[in-house]
Amino acid sequence: LRSRLGTRQGRVEKGGGRGRPDNKNNNRDTGSARGNAEREERPSYPEKVDYNTESGELVVTLKDVEIVRVDWSGNMTMTTGGNMTEEYFEALNRALKPILYRLQKQEENWSITDGRRIMRFFDGVCMPP
């Protein structure tokens, strides 16, 4: 069974264990539909992310508006700068995605959720860690 799985001494080797190279494309863009879709999904105004090592703050900016600021203790402050548009909604969602939060809207109201709890969004809302 081990020889079929390409193992030696209990470890699985890359490439099947017989010196064969992997059949992976080394992350090259082959022009696949997925690669093209990823390029098309880029926003027209991409967010800028800055991390200040001295203060420990992370800031996400869109069009000169700091839409997200995370301080050294993990408190996260969010704002649209008064621009409650689809563009800012999507930018905030992209910023929230890595921490498993998301914005949702119901008519003109926005709210923040982690799937269990929900909180109304307003400019300057601060979420504790």
Foldseek 3Di string as FASTA:
>chain_A
DCLQQLDDPPDHDAQSVPPHHHPDPVPDCPVDPVVVVVVVPQDPFAWDWDADPVFRKIFIDTPNRGQWIAGNQGKIWGAPPPPQDPSSQVNVQVVCVVVQKHWDDDVSWIWIDNPPDIGTDDHGDIDGD
